[in-house]
């Protein structure tokens, strides 16, 4: 007797339970110094459709290029961390500060960037990427960005919207044409 094949589900309906308490779209408490920016976009599947049940997690340095932790407490309580769910059309938006350059290995300096993790149903492991600011001159010397083929770097660039100096657009494409660059850990 052959049993019917059923779909497997890597993450059940409980997916949001562990993540939802940390959802927020504003990572900047009052009193934190720095340029406030809003980044918005969509998480898109291989066909260009929005992914309604994805969640992105953001890790970033402060304006001085320091990751908040035991040794450095950013003025005003900046945590450098947040989680944002996508809406029914795969859209997301969050407000943060533009980070400073970060010290890298061997005395290198990394351009201002945000580390982004993507979680969603069907992924056995989260995806890791970065978002850089397209108008940042330090991008030219970033050691991580230089590892990405020149024709793919655009997938990591948040672009300033005309008419709004504080608004940037950046989309996460999971596969297909213009797939976002993802990094191995």
C-alpha atoms as a PDB file:
ATOM      1  CA  UNK A   1       0.000   0.000   0.000  1.00  0.00           C
ATOM      2  CA  UNK A   2       1.345   3.399  -0.975  1.00  0.00           C
ATOM      3  CA  UNK A   3       0.704   6.271   1.378  1.00  0.00           C
ATOM      4  CA  UNK A   4      -0.239   9.637  -0.088  1.00  0.00           C
ATOM      5  CA  UNK A   5       2.524  12.204  -0.199  1.00  0.00           C
ATOM      6  CA  UNK A   6       1.907  15.257   1.919  1.00  0.00           C
ATOM      7  CA  UNK A   7       3.627  18.606   1.879  1.00  0.00           C
ATOM      8  CA  UNK A   8       6.286  19.190   4.474  1.00  0.00           C
ATOM      9  CA  UNK A   9       6.409  22.399   6.393  1.00  0.00           C
ATOM     10  CA  UNK A  10       9.727  23.462   7.867  1.00  0.00           C
ATOM     11  CA  UNK A  11       8.235  26.074  10.149  1.00  0.00           C
ATOM     12  CA  UNK A  12       4.707  25.832  11.469  1.00  0.00           C
ATOM     13  CA  UNK A  13       2.093  28.395  12.336  1.00  0.00           C
ATOM     14  CA  UNK A  14       4.050  29.133  15.516  1.00  0.00           C
ATOM     15  CA  UNK A  15       6.723  30.963  13.503  1.00  0.00           C
ATOM     16  CA  UNK A  16       5.686  34.445  14.614  1.00  0.00           C
ATOM     17  CA  UNK A  17       5.308  33.596  18.286  1.00  0.00           C
ATOM     18  CA  UNK A  18       9.016  33.756  19.085  1.00  0.00           C
ATOM     19  CA  UNK A  19       9.663  36.766  16.898  1.00  0.00           C
ATOM     20  CA  UNK A  20       6.619  38.999  17.384  1.00  0.00           C
ATOM     21  CA  UNK A  21       7.633  40.431  20.787  1.00  0.00           C
ATOM     22  CA  UNK A  22      10.625  42.118  19.137  1.00  0.00           C
ATOM     23  CA  UNK A  23       8.743  43.602  16.170  1.00  0.00           C
ATOM     24  CA  UNK A  24       9.112  47.354  15.835  1.00  0.00           C
ATOM     25  CA  UNK A  25       9.535  49.769  12.986  1.00  0.00           C
ATOM     26  CA  UNK A  26      11.408  52.528  14.816  1.00  0.00           C
ATOM     27  CA  UNK A  27      14.820  51.573  16.200  1.00  0.00           C
ATOM     28  CA  UNK A  28      15.781  55.071  17.363  1.00  0.00           C
ATOM     29  CA  UNK A  29      14.783  56.202  20.845  1.00  0.00           C
ATOM     30  CA  UNK A  30      14.570  59.949  21.465  1.00  0.00           C
ATOM     31  CA  UNK A  31      17.954  61.420  22.316  1.00  0.00           C
ATOM     32  CA  UNK A  32      20.048  59.119  20.125  1.00  0.00           C
ATOM     33  CA  UNK A  33      22.381  61.218  17.963  1.00  0.00           C
ATOM     34  CA  UNK A  34      22.640  60.669  14.236  1.00  0.00           C
ATOM     35  CA  UNK A  35      20.963  61.090  10.873  1.00  0.00           C
ATOM     36  CA  UNK A  36      17.511  59.503  10.951  1.00  0.00           C
ATOM     37  CA  UNK A  37      16.729  57.427   7.873  1.00  0.00           C
ATOM     38  CA  UNK A  38      13.771  55.312   6.828  1.00  0.00           C
ATOM     39  CA  UNK A  39      14.370  52.240   4.695  1.00  0.00           C
ATOM     40  CA  UNK A  40      11.450  50.647   2.929  1.00  0.00           C
ATOM     41  CA  UNK A  41      11.034  47.979   0.303  1.00  0.00           C
ATOM     42  CA  UNK A  42       9.641  44.531  -0.352  1.00  0.00           C
ATOM     43  CA  UNK A  43      10.729  40.931   0.045  1.00  0.00           C
ATOM     44  CA  UNK A  44      10.081  39.367  -3.376  1.00  0.00           C
ATOM     45  CA  UNK A  45      10.019  35.735  -4.490  1.00  0.00           C
ATOM     46  CA  UNK A  46      11.482  34.411  -7.750  1.00  0.00           C
ATOM     47  CA  UNK A  47       8.402  35.499  -9.718  1.00  0.00           C
ATOM     48  CA  UNK A  48       8.500  39.037  -8.321  1.00  0.00           C
ATOM     49  CA  UNK A  49       5.572  38.524  -5.951  1.00  0.00           C
ATOM     50  CA  UNK A  50       5.706  39.909  -2.430  1.00  0.00           C
ATOM     51  CA  UNK A  51       6.334  37.426   0.385  1.00  0.00           C
ATOM     52  CA  UNK A  52       3.663  38.158   3.019  1.00  0.00           C
ATOM     53  CA  UNK A  53       5.063  36.109   5.888  1.00  0.00           C
ATOM     54  CA  UNK A  54       8.756  37.045   5.921  1.00  0.00           C
ATOM     55  CA  UNK A  55      10.513  38.793   8.741  1.00  0.00           C
ATOM     56  CA  UNK A  56      13.722  40.753   8.542  1.00  0.00           C
ATOM     57  CA  UNK A  57      16.124  41.265  11.404  1.00  0.00           C
ATOM     58  CA  UNK A  58      18.511  44.206  11.367  1.00  0.00           C
ATOM     59  CA  UNK A  59      21.843  44.538  13.193  1.00  0.00           C
ATOM     60  CA  UNK A  60      23.866  47.715  12.897  1.00  0.00           C
ATOM     61  CA  UNK A  61      26.553  49.918  14.388  1.00  0.00           C
ATOM     62  CA  UNK A  62      25.937  53.356  15.847  1.00  0.00           C
ATOM     63  CA  UNK A  63      27.064  56.621  14.247  1.00  0.00           C
ATOM     64  CA  UNK A  64      30.600  56.032  15.576  1.00  0.00           C
ATOM     65  CA  UNK A  65      30.833  52.594  13.930  1.00  0.00           C
ATOM     66  CA  UNK A  66      30.458  50.696  17.214  1.00  0.00           C
ATOM     67  CA  UNK A  67      28.106  47.780  17.691  1.00  0.00           C
ATOM     68  CA  UNK A  68      26.195  48.251  20.944  1.00  0.00           C
ATOM     69  CA  UNK A  69      27.296  45.813  23.613  1.00  0.00           C
ATOM     70  CA  UNK A  70      28.831  45.484  27.017  1.00  0.00           C
ATOM     71  CA  UNK A  71      31.755  47.804  26.239  1.00  0.00           C
ATOM     72  CA  UNK A  72      29.870  50.565  24.444  1.00  0.00           C
ATOM     73  CA  UNK A  73      26.517  51.887  25.463  1.00  0.00           C
ATOM     74  CA  UNK A  74      25.186  54.312  22.875  1.00  0.00           C
ATOM     75  CA  UNK A  75      23.795  57.532  24.199  1.00  0.00           C
ATOM     76  CA  UNK A  76      20.009  57.439  24.500  1.00  0.00           C
ATOM     77  CA  UNK A  77      19.640  53.646  24.528  1.00  0.00           C
ATOM     78  CA  UNK A  78      20.288  52.788  20.871  1.00  0.00           C
ATOM     79  CA  UNK A  79      20.361  48.980  20.601  1.00  0.00           C
ATOM     80  CA  UNK A  80      21.398  48.508  16.971  1.00  0.00           C
ATOM     81  CA  UNK A  81      18.819  45.750  16.557  1.00  0.00           C
ATOM     82  CA  UNK A  82      15.245  45.310  15.402  1.00  0.00           C
ATOM     83  CA  UNK A  83      12.812  42.963  13.672  1.00  0.00           C
ATOM     84  CA  UNK A  84      10.222  43.913  11.094  1.00  0.00           C
ATOM     85  CA  UNK A  85       7.546  41.648   9.572  1.00  0.00           C
ATOM     86  CA  UNK A  86       6.450  42.046   5.974  1.00  0.00           C
ATOM     87  CA  UNK A  87       2.886  43.081   5.210  1.00  0.00           C
ATOM     88  CA  UNK A  88       0.408  41.235   2.976  1.00  0.00           C
ATOM     89  CA  UNK A  89       2.303  42.414  -0.124  1.00  0.00           C
ATOM     90  CA  UNK A  90       5.811  41.667   1.147  1.00  0.00           C
ATOM     91  CA  UNK A  91       6.422  45.286   2.144  1.00  0.00           C
ATOM     92  CA  UNK A  92       8.516  46.431   5.080  1.00  0.00           C
ATOM     93  CA  UNK A  93       9.641  49.748   6.518  1.00  0.00           C
ATOM     94  CA  UNK A  94      11.780  50.780   9.464  1.00  0.00           C
ATOM     95  CA  UNK A  95      13.386  53.922  10.835  1.00  0.00           C
ATOM     96  CA  UNK A  96      16.931  53.938  12.185  1.00  0.00           C
ATOM     97  CA  UNK A  97      20.092  56.028  12.200  1.00  0.00           C
ATOM     98  CA  UNK A  98      22.657  55.957   9.459  1.00  0.00           C
ATOM     99  CA  UNK A  99      25.573  53.998  10.930  1.00  0.00           C
ATOM    100  CA  UNK A 100      29.211  55.048  10.842  1.00  0.00           C
ATOM    101  CA  UNK A 101      32.110  53.183   9.261  1.00  0.00           C
ATOM    102  CA  UNK A 102      32.982  49.956  11.095  1.00  0.00           C
ATOM    103  CA  UNK A 103      36.481  48.682  11.845  1.00  0.00           C
ATOM    104  CA  UNK A 104      37.223  45.485   9.944  1.00  0.00           C
ATOM    105  CA  UNK A 105      40.007  42.929  10.047  1.00  0.00           C
ATOM    106  CA  UNK A 106      43.629  43.835   9.392  1.00  0.00           C
ATOM    107  CA  UNK A 107      43.051  47.574   9.927  1.00  0.00           C
ATOM    108  CA  UNK A 108      40.448  47.769   7.145  1.00  0.00           C
ATOM    109  CA  UNK A 109      37.363  49.945   7.402  1.00  0.00           C
ATOM    110  CA  UNK A 110      33.907  48.816   6.312  1.00  0.00           C
ATOM    111  CA  UNK A 111      31.504  51.316   4.776  1.00  0.00           C
ATOM    112  CA  UNK A 112      28.330  52.129   6.732  1.00  0.00           C
ATOM    113  CA  UNK A 113      25.947  49.192   6.358  1.00  0.00           C
ATOM    114  CA  UNK A 114      23.210  47.209   8.059  1.00  0.00           C
ATOM    115  CA  UNK A 115      23.398  43.437   8.469  1.00  0.00           C
ATOM    116  CA  UNK A 116      20.041  41.920   7.487  1.00  0.00           C
ATOM    117  CA  UNK A 117      18.749  38.421   8.223  1.00  0.00           C
ATOM    118  CA  UNK A 118      15.682  37.097   6.402  1.00  0.00           C
ATOM    119  CA  UNK A 119      13.394  34.548   8.075  1.00  0.00           C
ATOM    120  CA  UNK A 120      10.372  32.966   6.445  1.00  0.00           C
ATOM    121  CA  UNK A 121       8.391  29.806   6.161  1.00  0.00           C
ATOM    122  CA  UNK A 122      10.130  27.268   3.948  1.00  0.00           C
ATOM    123  CA  UNK A 123      13.685  28.309   4.805  1.00  0.00           C
ATOM    124  CA  UNK A 124      15.687  25.780   6.767  1.00  0.00           C
ATOM    125  CA  UNK A 125      18.280  28.463   7.505  1.00  0.00           C
ATOM    126  CA  UNK A 126      17.872  32.203   7.537  1.00  0.00           C
ATOM    127  CA  UNK A 127      19.451  34.266   4.767  1.00  0.00           C
ATOM    128  CA  UNK A 128      22.135  36.851   5.544  1.00  0.00           C
ATOM    129  CA  UNK A 129      22.758  39.964   3.499  1.00  0.00           C
ATOM    130  CA  UNK A 130      23.787  43.581   3.915  1.00  0.00           C
ATOM    131  CA  UNK A 131      22.342  46.887   2.896  1.00  0.00           C
ATOM    132  CA  UNK A 132      24.702  49.711   1.999  1.00  0.00           C
ATOM    133  CA  UNK A 133      23.826  53.309   1.131  1.00  0.00           C
ATOM    134  CA  UNK A 134      24.271  53.984  -2.595  1.00  0.00           C
ATOM    135  CA  UNK A 135      25.436  57.570  -1.991  1.00  0.00           C
ATOM    136  CA  UNK A 136      28.228  56.546   0.425  1.00  0.00           C
ATOM    137  CA  UNK A 137      31.761  57.292  -0.827  1.00  0.00           C
ATOM    138  CA  UNK A 138      33.293  54.695   1.553  1.00  0.00           C
ATOM    139  CA  UNK A 139      31.636  51.922  -0.498  1.00  0.00           C
ATOM    140  CA  UNK A 140      34.523  52.093  -2.972  1.00  0.00           C
ATOM    141  CA  UNK A 141      36.960  50.714  -0.360  1.00  0.00           C
ATOM    142  CA  UNK A 142      34.711  48.348   1.596  1.00  0.00           C
ATOM    143  CA  UNK A 143      36.487  44.953   1.845  1.00  0.00           C
ATOM    144  CA  UNK A 144      33.250  42.915   1.943  1.00  0.00           C
ATOM    145  CA  UNK A 145      31.550  44.803  -0.872  1.00  0.00           C
ATOM    146  CA  UNK A 146      34.691  44.402  -3.010  1.00  0.00           C
ATOM    147  CA  UNK A 147      34.216  40.603  -2.828  1.00  0.00           C
ATOM    148  CA  UNK A 148      30.863  40.954  -4.620  1.00  0.00           C
ATOM    149  CA  UNK A 149      31.050  41.045  -8.446  1.00  0.00           C
ATOM    150  CA  UNK A 150      30.550  44.626  -9.631  1.00  0.00           C
ATOM    151  CA  UNK A 151      27.417  43.729 -11.621  1.00  0.00           C
ATOM    152  CA  UNK A 152      25.740  42.338  -8.434  1.00  0.00           C
ATOM    153  CA  UNK A 153      26.607  45.116  -5.946  1.00  0.00           C
ATOM    154  CA  UNK A 154      23.524  47.096  -6.861  1.00  0.00           C
ATOM    155  CA  UNK A 155      21.396  44.447  -5.094  1.00  0.00           C
ATOM    156  CA  UNK A 156      22.920  45.594  -1.798  1.00  0.00           C
ATOM    157  CA  UNK A 157      22.339  49.330  -2.301  1.00  0.00           C
ATOM    158  CA  UNK A 158      19.596  51.345  -0.651  1.00  0.00           C
ATOM    159  CA  UNK A 159      18.852  54.295  -2.893  1.00  0.00           C
ATOM    160  CA  UNK A 160      17.789  57.701  -1.625  1.00  0.00           C
ATOM    161  CA  UNK A 161      14.382  58.714  -2.921  1.00  0.00           C
ATOM    162  CA  UNK A 162      14.205  61.989  -4.767  1.00  0.00           C
ATOM    163  CA  UNK A 163      12.359  64.634  -2.824  1.00  0.00           C
ATOM    164  CA  UNK A 164      12.929  62.988   0.582  1.00  0.00           C
ATOM    165  CA  UNK A 165      16.475  63.075   1.927  1.00  0.00           C
ATOM    166  CA  UNK A 166      15.648  60.669   4.775  1.00  0.00           C
ATOM    167  CA  UNK A 167      13.889  57.954   2.703  1.00  0.00           C
ATOM    168  CA  UNK A 168      15.736  55.032   1.086  1.00  0.00           C
ATOM    169  CA  UNK A 169      14.381  52.159  -1.021  1.00  0.00           C
ATOM    170  CA  UNK A 170      15.852  48.652  -0.964  1.00  0.00           C
ATOM    171  CA  UNK A 171      14.240  45.387  -2.067  1.00  0.00           C
ATOM    172  CA  UNK A 172      15.207  41.841  -1.140  1.00  0.00           C
ATOM    173  CA  UNK A 173      14.869  39.463  -4.102  1.00  0.00           C
ATOM    174  CA  UNK A 174      15.057  35.841  -3.026  1.00  0.00           C
ATOM    175  CA  UNK A 175      15.925  34.414  -6.456  1.00  0.00           C
ATOM    176  CA  UNK A 176      15.761  35.100 -10.172  1.00  0.00           C
ATOM    177  CA  UNK A 177      16.875  38.180 -12.056  1.00  0.00           C
ATOM    178  CA  UNK A 178      18.536  40.719  -9.760  1.00  0.00           C
ATOM    179  CA  UNK A 179      18.613  38.237  -6.853  1.00  0.00           C
ATOM    180  CA  UNK A 180      19.979  39.905  -3.722  1.00  0.00           C
ATOM    181  CA  UNK A 181      23.498  38.843  -2.774  1.00  0.00           C
ATOM    182  CA  UNK A 182      23.392  36.567   0.275  1.00  0.00           C
ATOM    183  CA  UNK A 183      26.433  35.688   2.388  1.00  0.00           C
ATOM    184  CA  UNK A 184      27.549  32.423   3.993  1.00  0.00           C
ATOM    185  CA  UNK A 185      28.314  32.562   7.685  1.00  0.00           C
END
